[in-house]
Amino acid sequence: MTARAQDEPPFEVTLDMDNDGRMDRAAIAADPDSGLADLSIYLAAGEGKLDPSRKPDFVKKALTQDRILGLESKGKGSLVVTSCFGCGANKSWDATLAIVWCGGKFLVAGYSRDWDWNVQKADGSVETTLGGCDINFLTGRGVASKDLDDGKPVAENSCRSHWPTGRTTIVRSPANSDRRRTALNG
């Protein structure tokens, strides 16, 4: 059984997400009622202690029910959330969500997922299936892999069709109508 987000300590990182020269702060903590991980972003919060009375500029409730492994800045204002389900158990996966500030909104820029499924057969042997996918929503490109093979490009429509519903909104970029962007709804 996987550890729910409520069992995890809060994660926090400072970075300049909106590229205004001031440090912003992102934090993930478990909602006390649901136990699911909530993402809060405070723009221009600075690097010092956060005023507890300050309300976040952005909140994404129930970002994941998986165990949070990390929250970090990957440069150029990108925020990366890493989580896992099973975390090494017979059926497990890890996921990475990249979030950026673009055009005045927080966007899901990328999503990666790797999985490892072990099934015990009647004869006592174990069959393992490995796989993964990596989707860049800003470019519309993605790759998928199965077993130990190298990843192969996948069509844009197939990437989008596998994204969990209810968590994102697909919007057209006015500057380039053939590129799709995924907005992170708060």
N, C-alpha and C. Protein backbone atom coordinates (compact mmCIF):
# COMPACT_ATOMS: atom_id res chain seq x y z
N MET A 1 0.84 -1.18 0.00
CA MET A 1 0.00 0.00 0.00
C MET A 1 0.88 1.24 0.00
N THR A 2 0.47 2.23 -0.73
CA THR A 2 1.28 3.42 -0.86
C THR A 2 1.03 4.40 0.28
N ALA A 3 2.04 5.15 0.64
CA ALA A 3 1.86 6.19 1.66
C ALA A 3 1.10 7.34 1.01
N ARG A 4 0.02 7.75 1.62
CA ARG A 4 -0.76 8.86 1.08
C ARG A 4 -0.04 10.17 1.38
N ALA A 5 -0.43 11.19 0.66
CA ALA A 5 0.20 12.50 0.82
C ALA A 5 0.15 12.98 2.26
N GLN A 6 -0.90 12.61 3.00
CA GLN A 6 -1.02 13.08 4.38
C GLN A 6 0.09 12.55 5.28
N ASP A 7 0.75 11.49 4.87
CA ASP A 7 1.83 10.92 5.65
C ASP A 7 3.16 11.61 5.38
N GLU A 8 3.19 12.50 4.42
CA GLU A 8 4.43 13.13 3.99
C GLU A 8 4.60 14.50 4.62
N PRO A 9 5.86 14.88 4.86
CA PRO A 9 6.09 16.25 5.33
C PRO A 9 5.83 17.23 4.19
N PRO A 10 5.58 18.51 4.49
CA PRO A 10 5.40 19.48 3.42
C PRO A 10 6.71 19.69 2.66
N PHE A 11 6.58 19.95 1.39
CA PHE A 11 7.74 20.25 0.54
C PHE A 11 7.64 21.71 0.16
N GLU A 12 8.80 22.38 0.05
CA GLU A 12 8.81 23.80 -0.28
C GLU A 12 10.06 24.12 -1.08
N VAL A 13 9.93 25.05 -2.05
CA VAL A 13 11.06 25.48 -2.85
C VAL A 13 10.86 26.94 -3.25
N THR A 14 11.96 27.69 -3.35
CA THR A 14 11.88 29.06 -3.86
C THR A 14 12.49 29.10 -5.25
N LEU A 15 11.89 29.89 -6.12
CA LEU A 15 12.34 30.05 -7.49
C LEU A 15 11.64 31.28 -8.05
N ASP A 16 12.14 31.78 -9.17
CA ASP A 16 11.50 32.91 -9.83
C ASP A 16 10.66 32.38 -10.99
N MET A 17 9.44 31.95 -10.69
CA MET A 17 8.59 31.33 -11.71
C MET A 17 8.15 32.31 -12.78
N ASP A 18 7.81 33.53 -12.39
CA ASP A 18 7.27 34.50 -13.35
C ASP A 18 8.34 35.42 -13.93
N ASN A 19 9.59 35.14 -13.66
CA ASN A 19 10.74 35.86 -14.22
C ASN A 19 10.66 37.37 -14.02
N ASP A 20 10.23 37.79 -12.83
CA ASP A 20 10.17 39.22 -12.54
C ASP A 20 11.35 39.67 -11.67
N GLY A 21 12.29 38.77 -11.41
CA GLY A 21 13.46 39.10 -10.60
C GLY A 21 13.24 38.92 -9.11
N ARG A 22 12.02 38.57 -8.70
CA ARG A 22 11.72 38.34 -7.28
C ARG A 22 11.44 36.86 -7.07
N MET A 23 11.89 36.36 -5.92
CA MET A 23 11.71 34.94 -5.63
C MET A 23 10.27 34.62 -5.26
N ASP A 24 9.76 33.58 -5.88
CA ASP A 24 8.44 33.05 -5.58
C ASP A 24 8.62 31.80 -4.75
N ARG A 25 7.56 31.30 -4.19
CA ARG A 25 7.64 30.12 -3.36
C ARG A 25 6.54 29.14 -3.75
N ALA A 26 6.89 27.87 -3.85
CA ALA A 26 5.91 26.81 -4.10
C ALA A 26 6.00 25.84 -2.93
N ALA A 27 4.83 25.35 -2.53
CA ALA A 27 4.78 24.41 -1.42
C ALA A 27 3.73 23.35 -1.70
N ILE A 28 4.03 22.13 -1.30
CA ILE A 28 3.07 21.03 -1.39
C ILE A 28 2.89 20.50 0.02
N ALA A 29 1.63 20.41 0.42
CA ALA A 29 1.30 19.85 1.73
C ALA A 29 0.00 19.10 1.62
N ALA A 30 -0.21 18.18 2.52
CA ALA A 30 -1.43 17.39 2.52
C ALA A 30 -2.61 18.20 3.04
N ASP A 31 -3.72 18.09 2.36
CA ASP A 31 -4.96 18.68 2.86
C ASP A 31 -5.37 17.88 4.09
N PRO A 32 -5.65 18.54 5.20
CA PRO A 32 -5.96 17.78 6.43
C PRO A 32 -7.23 16.94 6.33
N ASP A 33 -8.16 17.34 5.46
CA ASP A 33 -9.42 16.60 5.34
C ASP A 33 -9.31 15.41 4.39
N SER A 34 -8.72 15.64 3.21
CA SER A 34 -8.68 14.58 2.20
C SER A 34 -7.40 13.77 2.23
N GLY A 35 -6.31 14.35 2.75
CA GLY A 35 -5.02 13.67 2.73
C GLY A 35 -4.32 13.78 1.38
N LEU A 36 -4.95 14.45 0.40
CA LEU A 36 -4.36 14.60 -0.93
C LEU A 36 -3.40 15.78 -0.94
N ALA A 37 -2.43 15.73 -1.83
CA ALA A 37 -1.40 16.77 -1.91
C ALA A 37 -1.94 18.01 -2.63
N ASP A 38 -1.85 19.16 -1.96
CA ASP A 38 -2.26 20.44 -2.53
C ASP A 38 -1.01 21.25 -2.84
N LEU A 39 -1.00 21.89 -4.01
CA LEU A 39 0.09 22.75 -4.42
C LEU A 39 -0.32 24.20 -4.19
N SER A 40 0.52 24.97 -3.51
CA SER A 40 0.30 26.40 -3.30
C SER A 40 1.49 27.15 -3.84
N ILE A 41 1.22 28.26 -4.57
CA ILE A 41 2.29 29.09 -5.11
C ILE A 41 2.08 30.52 -4.62
N TYR A 42 3.15 31.09 -4.10
CA TYR A 42 3.15 32.46 -3.58
C TYR A 42 4.10 33.27 -4.46
N LEU A 43 3.57 34.20 -5.23
CA LEU A 43 4.41 35.04 -6.08
C LEU A 43 5.07 36.12 -5.23
N ALA A 44 6.32 36.44 -5.54
CA ALA A 44 7.10 37.48 -4.86
C ALA A 44 7.11 37.28 -3.34
N ALA A 45 7.24 36.05 -2.90
CA ALA A 45 7.23 35.74 -1.47
C ALA A 45 8.59 35.92 -0.82
N GLY A 46 9.64 35.95 -1.62
CA GLY A 46 10.99 36.10 -1.06
C GLY A 46 11.51 34.79 -0.49
N GLU A 47 12.73 34.84 -0.01
CA GLU A 47 13.37 33.63 0.50
C GLU A 47 13.26 33.48 2.01
N GLY A 48 12.82 34.52 2.69
CA GLY A 48 12.71 34.46 4.15
C GLY A 48 11.49 33.66 4.58
N LYS A 49 11.20 33.75 5.87
CA LYS A 49 10.06 33.04 6.42
C LYS A 49 8.77 33.61 5.83
N LEU A 50 7.87 32.73 5.45
CA LEU A 50 6.60 33.13 4.85
C LEU A 50 5.63 33.58 5.94
N ASP A 51 4.99 34.72 5.71
CA ASP A 51 3.96 35.21 6.63
C ASP A 51 2.79 34.23 6.63
N PRO A 52 2.48 33.61 7.77
CA PRO A 52 1.42 32.60 7.81
C PRO A 52 0.04 33.13 7.44
N SER A 53 -0.16 34.45 7.53
CA SER A 53 -1.47 35.00 7.18
C SER A 53 -1.62 35.26 5.68
N ARG A 54 -0.52 35.15 4.94
CA ARG A 54 -0.57 35.40 3.50
C ARG A 54 -1.26 34.25 2.78
N LYS A 55 -2.20 34.61 1.94
CA LYS A 55 -2.91 33.64 1.11
C LYS A 55 -2.07 33.38 -0.15
N PRO A 56 -2.06 32.14 -0.64
CA PRO A 56 -1.31 31.85 -1.86
C PRO A 56 -1.95 32.55 -3.07
N ASP A 57 -1.12 32.85 -4.07
CA ASP A 57 -1.62 33.44 -5.31
C ASP A 57 -2.27 32.38 -6.19
N PHE A 58 -1.90 31.14 -5.96
CA PHE A 58 -2.44 30.03 -6.76
C PHE A 58 -2.50 28.79 -5.89
N VAL A 59 -3.61 28.06 -5.98
CA VAL A 59 -3.74 26.79 -5.27
C VAL A 59 -4.31 25.76 -6.23
N LYS A 60 -3.70 24.61 -6.27
CA LYS A 60 -4.24 23.46 -7.00
C LYS A 60 -4.52 22.38 -5.97
N LYS A 61 -5.79 22.21 -5.65
CA LYS A 61 -6.19 21.19 -4.68
C LYS A 61 -6.04 19.81 -5.32
N ALA A 62 -5.73 18.84 -4.50
CA ALA A 62 -5.67 17.43 -4.93
C ALA A 62 -4.80 17.25 -6.17
N LEU A 63 -3.63 17.82 -6.16
CA LEU A 63 -2.70 17.68 -7.29
C LEU A 63 -2.41 16.21 -7.55
N THR A 64 -2.23 15.46 -6.48
CA THR A 64 -2.02 14.02 -6.60
C THR A 64 -2.35 13.34 -5.28
N GLN A 65 -2.73 12.07 -5.38
CA GLN A 65 -2.89 11.28 -4.17
C GLN A 65 -1.68 10.39 -3.95
N ASP A 66 -0.75 10.44 -4.89
CA ASP A 66 0.46 9.64 -4.80
C ASP A 66 1.41 10.24 -3.76
N ARG A 67 2.42 9.46 -3.41
CA ARG A 67 3.43 9.91 -2.46
C ARG A 67 4.34 10.92 -3.14
N ILE A 68 4.51 12.07 -2.54
CA ILE A 68 5.38 13.11 -3.10
C ILE A 68 6.82 12.74 -2.76
N LEU A 69 7.65 12.71 -3.79
CA LEU A 69 9.07 12.43 -3.59
C LEU A 69 9.91 13.69 -3.62
N GLY A 70 9.44 14.71 -4.34
CA GLY A 70 10.24 15.91 -4.43
C GLY A 70 9.50 17.06 -5.08
N LEU A 71 9.97 18.25 -4.77
CA LEU A 71 9.50 19.50 -5.35
C LEU A 71 10.76 20.31 -5.57
N GLU A 72 11.04 20.66 -6.83
CA GLU A 72 12.29 21.37 -7.09
C GLU A 72 12.19 22.29 -8.28
N SER A 73 13.14 23.21 -8.35
CA SER A 73 13.26 24.12 -9.48
C SER A 73 14.24 23.50 -10.48
N LYS A 74 13.87 23.54 -11.74
CA LYS A 74 14.76 23.01 -12.77
C LYS A 74 15.31 24.12 -13.66
N GLY A 75 15.33 25.34 -13.17
CA GLY A 75 15.86 26.46 -13.94
C GLY A 75 14.81 27.06 -14.85
N LYS A 76 15.06 28.27 -15.30
CA LYS A 76 14.15 29.03 -16.17
C LYS A 76 12.74 29.10 -15.60
N GLY A 77 12.63 29.08 -14.28
CA GLY A 77 11.33 29.23 -13.62
C GLY A 77 10.45 28.01 -13.63
N SER A 78 10.98 26.86 -14.01
CA SER A 78 10.13 25.67 -14.04
C SER A 78 10.13 24.96 -12.68
N LEU A 79 8.96 24.51 -12.31
CA LEU A 79 8.74 23.81 -11.06
C LEU A 79 8.46 22.36 -11.39
N VAL A 80 9.12 21.44 -10.71
CA VAL A 80 8.95 20.02 -11.00
C VAL A 80 8.48 19.31 -9.74
N VAL A 81 7.37 18.57 -9.89
CA VAL A 81 6.80 17.77 -8.80
C VAL A 81 7.00 16.31 -9.17
N THR A 82 7.64 15.55 -8.30
CA THR A 82 7.85 14.13 -8.53
C THR A 82 7.08 13.33 -7.49
N SER A 83 6.35 12.31 -7.96
CA SER A 83 5.55 11.49 -7.06
C SER A 83 5.65 10.03 -7.47
N CYS A 84 5.18 9.15 -6.60
CA CYS A 84 5.16 7.73 -6.94
C CYS A 84 3.93 7.07 -6.32
N PHE A 85 3.53 6.00 -6.94
CA PHE A 85 2.49 5.13 -6.42
C PHE A 85 3.11 3.75 -6.31
N GLY A 86 2.99 3.14 -5.19
CA GLY A 86 3.61 1.83 -5.00
C GLY A 86 5.06 1.92 -4.61
N CYS A 87 5.78 2.83 -5.20
CA CYS A 87 7.18 3.13 -4.86
C CYS A 87 8.02 1.86 -4.71
N GLY A 88 8.04 1.04 -5.75
CA GLY A 88 8.85 -0.17 -5.74
C GLY A 88 8.07 -1.43 -5.44
N ALA A 89 6.77 -1.31 -5.20
CA ALA A 89 5.95 -2.49 -4.94
C ALA A 89 5.70 -3.26 -6.25
N ASN A 90 4.91 -4.32 -6.19
CA ASN A 90 4.64 -5.13 -7.39
C ASN A 90 4.05 -4.32 -8.54
N LYS A 91 3.21 -3.37 -8.22
CA LYS A 91 2.66 -2.47 -9.24
C LYS A 91 2.96 -1.06 -8.79
N SER A 92 3.87 -0.43 -9.50
CA SER A 92 4.26 0.92 -9.08
C SER A 92 4.55 1.78 -10.30
N TRP A 93 4.48 3.07 -10.09
CA TRP A 93 4.87 4.04 -11.10
C TRP A 93 5.38 5.29 -10.42
N ASP A 94 6.16 6.04 -11.16
CA ASP A 94 6.53 7.36 -10.69
C ASP A 94 6.15 8.35 -11.79
N ALA A 95 5.81 9.54 -11.36
CA ALA A 95 5.35 10.57 -12.28
C ALA A 95 6.08 11.87 -11.97
N THR A 96 6.33 12.64 -13.02
CA THR A 96 6.95 13.95 -12.89
C THR A 96 6.09 14.94 -13.65
N LEU A 97 5.74 16.02 -12.99
CA LEU A 97 4.92 17.06 -13.56
C LEU A 97 5.73 18.34 -13.57
N ALA A 98 5.90 18.95 -14.75
CA ALA A 98 6.64 20.21 -14.86
C ALA A 98 5.62 21.34 -15.05
N ILE A 99 5.74 22.37 -14.23
CA ILE A 99 4.82 23.50 -14.24
C ILE A 99 5.62 24.77 -14.50
N VAL A 100 5.12 25.61 -15.41
CA VAL A 100 5.77 26.87 -15.75
C VAL A 100 4.76 28.01 -15.72
N TRP A 101 5.27 29.22 -15.69
CA TRP A 101 4.46 30.43 -15.78
C TRP A 101 4.61 30.92 -17.21
N CYS A 102 3.51 31.09 -17.90
CA CYS A 102 3.57 31.53 -19.30
C CYS A 102 2.29 32.29 -19.63
N GLY A 103 2.44 33.48 -20.14
CA GLY A 103 1.27 34.26 -20.54
C GLY A 103 0.34 34.60 -19.40
N GLY A 104 0.89 34.77 -18.20
CA GLY A 104 0.07 35.13 -17.05
C GLY A 104 -0.66 33.97 -16.40
N LYS A 105 -0.32 32.74 -16.79
CA LYS A 105 -0.96 31.55 -16.21
C LYS A 105 0.09 30.51 -15.87
N PHE A 106 -0.25 29.66 -14.92
CA PHE A 106 0.57 28.49 -14.65
C PHE A 106 0.13 27.40 -15.62
N LEU A 107 1.10 26.82 -16.31
CA LEU A 107 0.81 25.78 -17.30
C LEU A 107 1.53 24.50 -16.94
N VAL A 108 0.88 23.38 -17.25
CA VAL A 108 1.55 22.09 -17.20
C VAL A 108 2.38 22.01 -18.47
N ALA A 109 3.68 22.08 -18.33
CA ALA A 109 4.57 22.06 -19.49
C ALA A 109 4.94 20.65 -19.89
N GLY A 110 4.98 19.74 -18.92
CA GLY A 110 5.38 18.38 -19.24
C GLY A 110 4.91 17.39 -18.21
N TYR A 111 4.83 16.16 -18.66
CA TYR A 111 4.41 15.06 -17.79
C TYR A 111 5.19 13.83 -18.19
N SER A 112 5.79 13.18 -17.23
CA SER A 112 6.51 11.93 -17.47
C SER A 112 5.99 10.88 -16.51
N ARG A 113 5.94 9.66 -16.99
CA ARG A 113 5.48 8.57 -16.13
C ARG A 113 6.22 7.30 -16.53
N ASP A 114 6.75 6.61 -15.53
CA ASP A 114 7.40 5.32 -15.73
C ASP A 114 6.69 4.31 -14.84
N TRP A 115 6.48 3.12 -15.36
CA TRP A 115 5.80 2.11 -14.57
C TRP A 115 6.53 0.78 -14.61
N ASP A 116 6.26 -0.01 -13.59
CA ASP A 116 6.89 -1.31 -13.39
C ASP A 116 5.82 -2.21 -12.79
N TRP A 117 5.34 -3.16 -13.57
CA TRP A 117 4.28 -4.07 -13.10
C TRP A 117 4.85 -5.47 -13.02
N ASN A 118 4.76 -6.07 -11.87
CA ASN A 118 5.19 -7.45 -11.67
C ASN A 118 3.97 -8.31 -11.39
N VAL A 119 3.80 -9.36 -12.17
CA VAL A 119 2.67 -10.26 -12.00
C VAL A 119 3.22 -11.66 -11.73
N GLN A 120 2.81 -12.23 -10.62
CA GLN A 120 3.26 -13.58 -10.29
C GLN A 120 2.38 -14.59 -11.02
N LYS A 121 3.03 -15.47 -11.76
CA LYS A 121 2.34 -16.50 -12.54
C LYS A 121 2.05 -17.72 -11.67
N ALA A 122 1.16 -18.58 -12.16
CA ALA A 122 0.78 -19.80 -11.43
C ALA A 122 1.97 -20.70 -11.16
N ASP A 123 2.96 -20.70 -12.08
CA ASP A 123 4.13 -21.56 -11.91
C ASP A 123 5.17 -20.96 -10.96
N GLY A 124 4.86 -19.79 -10.36
CA GLY A 124 5.78 -19.16 -9.42
C GLY A 124 6.71 -18.14 -10.05
N SER A 125 6.77 -18.10 -11.37
CA SER A 125 7.62 -17.11 -12.04
C SER A 125 6.95 -15.74 -11.98
N VAL A 126 7.74 -14.72 -12.23
CA VAL A 126 7.24 -13.35 -12.21
C VAL A 126 7.44 -12.74 -13.59
N GLU A 127 6.37 -12.18 -14.13
CA GLU A 127 6.43 -11.48 -15.40
C GLU A 127 6.46 -9.99 -15.11
N THR A 128 7.46 -9.30 -15.64
CA THR A 128 7.61 -7.86 -15.39
C THR A 128 7.35 -7.10 -16.68
N THR A 129 6.54 -6.06 -16.57
CA THR A 129 6.30 -5.15 -17.69
C THR A 129 6.78 -3.78 -17.27
N LEU A 130 7.64 -3.21 -18.08
CA LEU A 130 8.17 -1.87 -17.85
C LEU A 130 7.66 -0.95 -18.94
N GLY A 131 7.57 0.30 -18.66
CA GLY A 131 7.19 1.25 -19.69
C GLY A 131 7.31 2.67 -19.19
N GLY A 132 7.10 3.58 -20.11
CA GLY A 132 7.15 4.98 -19.74
C GLY A 132 6.65 5.87 -20.85
N CYS A 133 6.35 7.09 -20.48
CA CYS A 133 5.99 8.10 -21.48
C CYS A 133 6.50 9.44 -20.97
N ASP A 134 6.78 10.31 -21.91
CA ASP A 134 7.27 11.65 -21.61
C ASP A 134 6.60 12.58 -22.61
N ILE A 135 5.81 13.53 -22.11
CA ILE A 135 5.04 14.41 -22.97
C ILE A 135 5.43 15.85 -22.68
N ASN A 136 5.78 16.60 -23.73
CA ASN A 136 6.05 18.03 -23.62
C ASN A 136 4.84 18.74 -24.21
N PHE A 137 4.01 19.32 -23.36
CA PHE A 137 2.80 19.97 -23.84
C PHE A 137 3.07 21.28 -24.55
N LEU A 138 4.22 21.89 -24.33
CA LEU A 138 4.54 23.14 -24.99
C LEU A 138 4.93 22.92 -26.45
N THR A 139 5.52 21.77 -26.74
CA THR A 139 5.91 21.47 -28.12
C THR A 139 4.95 20.51 -28.80
N GLY A 140 4.12 19.82 -27.99
CA GLY A 140 3.22 18.83 -28.56
C GLY A 140 3.90 17.52 -28.89
N ARG A 141 5.12 17.31 -28.40
CA ARG A 141 5.87 16.08 -28.69
C ARG A 141 5.89 15.17 -27.48
N GLY A 142 5.96 13.87 -27.76
CA GLY A 142 6.06 12.91 -26.69
C GLY A 142 6.72 11.64 -27.16
N VAL A 143 7.20 10.86 -26.22
CA VAL A 143 7.78 9.55 -26.51
C VAL A 143 7.20 8.54 -25.54
N ALA A 144 7.09 7.32 -26.01
CA ALA A 144 6.63 6.23 -25.16
C ALA A 144 7.58 5.06 -25.33
N SER A 145 7.77 4.31 -24.25
CA SER A 145 8.65 3.14 -24.31
C SER A 145 7.96 1.96 -23.65
N LYS A 146 8.36 0.78 -24.09
CA LYS A 146 7.87 -0.45 -23.49
C LYS A 146 9.06 -1.36 -23.26
N ASP A 147 9.06 -2.01 -22.12
CA ASP A 147 10.17 -2.86 -21.71
C ASP A 147 11.44 -2.03 -21.71
N LEU A 148 12.54 -2.55 -22.21
CA LEU A 148 13.81 -1.82 -22.18
C LEU A 148 14.13 -1.15 -23.51
N ASP A 149 13.16 -1.12 -24.43
CA ASP A 149 13.37 -0.48 -25.72
C ASP A 149 13.47 1.03 -25.56
N ASP A 150 14.16 1.67 -26.51
CA ASP A 150 14.22 3.13 -26.52
C ASP A 150 12.83 3.68 -26.79
N GLY A 151 12.58 4.88 -26.28
CA GLY A 151 11.30 5.52 -26.50
C GLY A 151 11.08 5.85 -27.96
N LYS A 152 9.82 5.77 -28.37
CA LYS A 152 9.45 6.10 -29.75
C LYS A 152 8.49 7.28 -29.71
N PRO A 153 8.58 8.18 -30.71
CA PRO A 153 7.66 9.31 -30.75
C PRO A 153 6.21 8.83 -30.84
N VAL A 154 5.33 9.57 -30.22
CA VAL A 154 3.90 9.27 -30.28
C VAL A 154 3.18 10.47 -30.86
N ALA A 155 2.04 10.22 -31.48
CA ALA A 155 1.25 11.30 -32.08
C ALA A 155 0.70 12.20 -30.99
N GLU A 156 0.54 13.49 -31.32
CA GLU A 156 0.05 14.46 -30.34
C GLU A 156 -1.31 14.04 -29.80
N ASN A 157 -2.21 13.57 -30.63
CA ASN A 157 -3.54 13.20 -30.17
C ASN A 157 -3.49 12.04 -29.20
N SER A 158 -2.58 11.10 -29.40
CA SER A 158 -2.53 9.97 -28.48
C SER A 158 -1.99 10.41 -27.11
N CYS A 159 -1.08 11.38 -27.08
CA CYS A 159 -0.60 11.89 -25.80
C CYS A 159 -1.74 12.53 -25.04
N ARG A 160 -2.49 13.36 -25.71
CA ARG A 160 -3.55 14.10 -25.06
C ARG A 160 -4.66 13.17 -24.59
N SER A 161 -4.93 12.11 -25.33
CA SER A 161 -6.03 11.23 -24.95
C SER A 161 -5.74 10.44 -23.68
N HIS A 162 -4.47 10.29 -23.30
CA HIS A 162 -4.13 9.54 -22.10
C HIS A 162 -3.99 10.42 -20.86
N TRP A 163 -4.08 11.75 -21.02
CA TRP A 163 -3.94 12.64 -19.89
C TRP A 163 -5.18 12.55 -19.02
N PRO A 164 -5.04 12.49 -17.69
CA PRO A 164 -6.21 12.35 -16.82
C PRO A 164 -7.21 13.48 -17.03
N THR A 165 -8.46 13.13 -17.18
CA THR A 165 -9.49 14.14 -17.38
C THR A 165 -9.80 14.84 -16.07
N GLY A 166 -10.29 16.06 -16.19
CA GLY A 166 -10.68 16.81 -15.01
C GLY A 166 -9.54 17.52 -14.31
N ARG A 167 -8.31 17.29 -14.74
CA ARG A 167 -7.17 17.93 -14.08
C ARG A 167 -6.57 19.04 -14.93
N THR A 168 -6.86 19.03 -16.21
CA THR A 168 -6.24 20.01 -17.09
C THR A 168 -7.26 20.52 -18.10
N THR A 169 -6.92 21.61 -18.72
CA THR A 169 -7.71 22.14 -19.80
C THR A 169 -6.78 22.36 -20.97
N ILE A 170 -7.16 21.91 -22.13
CA ILE A 170 -6.35 22.12 -23.33
C ILE A 170 -6.82 23.43 -23.96
N VAL A 171 -5.90 24.34 -24.18
CA VAL A 171 -6.24 25.61 -24.80
C VAL A 171 -5.31 25.85 -25.97
N ARG A 172 -5.78 26.57 -26.97
CA ARG A 172 -4.93 26.93 -28.11
C ARG A 172 -4.14 28.18 -27.77
N SER A 173 -2.92 28.21 -28.17
CA SER A 173 -2.09 29.39 -28.00
C SER A 173 -2.44 30.36 -29.12
N PRO A 174 -2.84 31.60 -28.82
CA PRO A 174 -3.21 32.52 -29.87
C PRO A 174 -2.05 32.84 -30.82
N ALA A 175 -0.81 32.81 -30.31
CA ALA A 175 0.34 33.14 -31.14
C ALA A 175 0.64 32.06 -32.17
N ASN A 176 0.29 30.83 -31.87
CA ASN A 176 0.61 29.73 -32.76
C ASN A 176 -0.47 28.68 -32.59
N SER A 177 -1.49 28.75 -33.42
CA SER A 177 -2.69 27.94 -33.21
C SER A 177 -2.46 26.44 -33.35
N ASP A 178 -1.34 26.02 -33.92
CA ASP A 178 -1.12 24.58 -34.03
C ASP A 178 -0.41 24.02 -32.80
N ARG A 179 0.01 24.86 -31.89
CA ARG A 179 0.62 24.38 -30.64
C ARG A 179 -0.43 24.38 -29.55
N ARG A 180 -0.47 23.33 -28.79
CA ARG A 180 -1.43 23.24 -27.69
C ARG A 180 -0.70 23.45 -26.38
N ARG A 181 -1.41 24.05 -25.45
CA ARG A 181 -0.85 24.24 -24.11
C ARG A 181 -1.87 23.72 -23.12
N THR A 182 -1.38 23.22 -22.04
CA THR A 182 -2.25 22.67 -21.01
C THR A 182 -2.19 23.58 -19.79
N ALA A 183 -3.32 24.18 -19.48
CA ALA A 183 -3.38 25.09 -18.34
C ALA A 183 -3.67 24.31 -17.07
N LEU A 184 -2.99 24.65 -16.01
CA LEU A 184 -3.22 24.03 -14.72
C LEU A 184 -4.33 24.79 -14.04
N ASN A 185 -5.48 24.17 -13.92
CA ASN A 185 -6.63 24.84 -13.29
C ASN A 185 -6.46 24.87 -11.79
N GLY A 186 -6.77 26.00 -11.19
CA GLY A 186 -6.65 26.13 -9.75
C GLY A 186 -7.93 25.76 -9.05
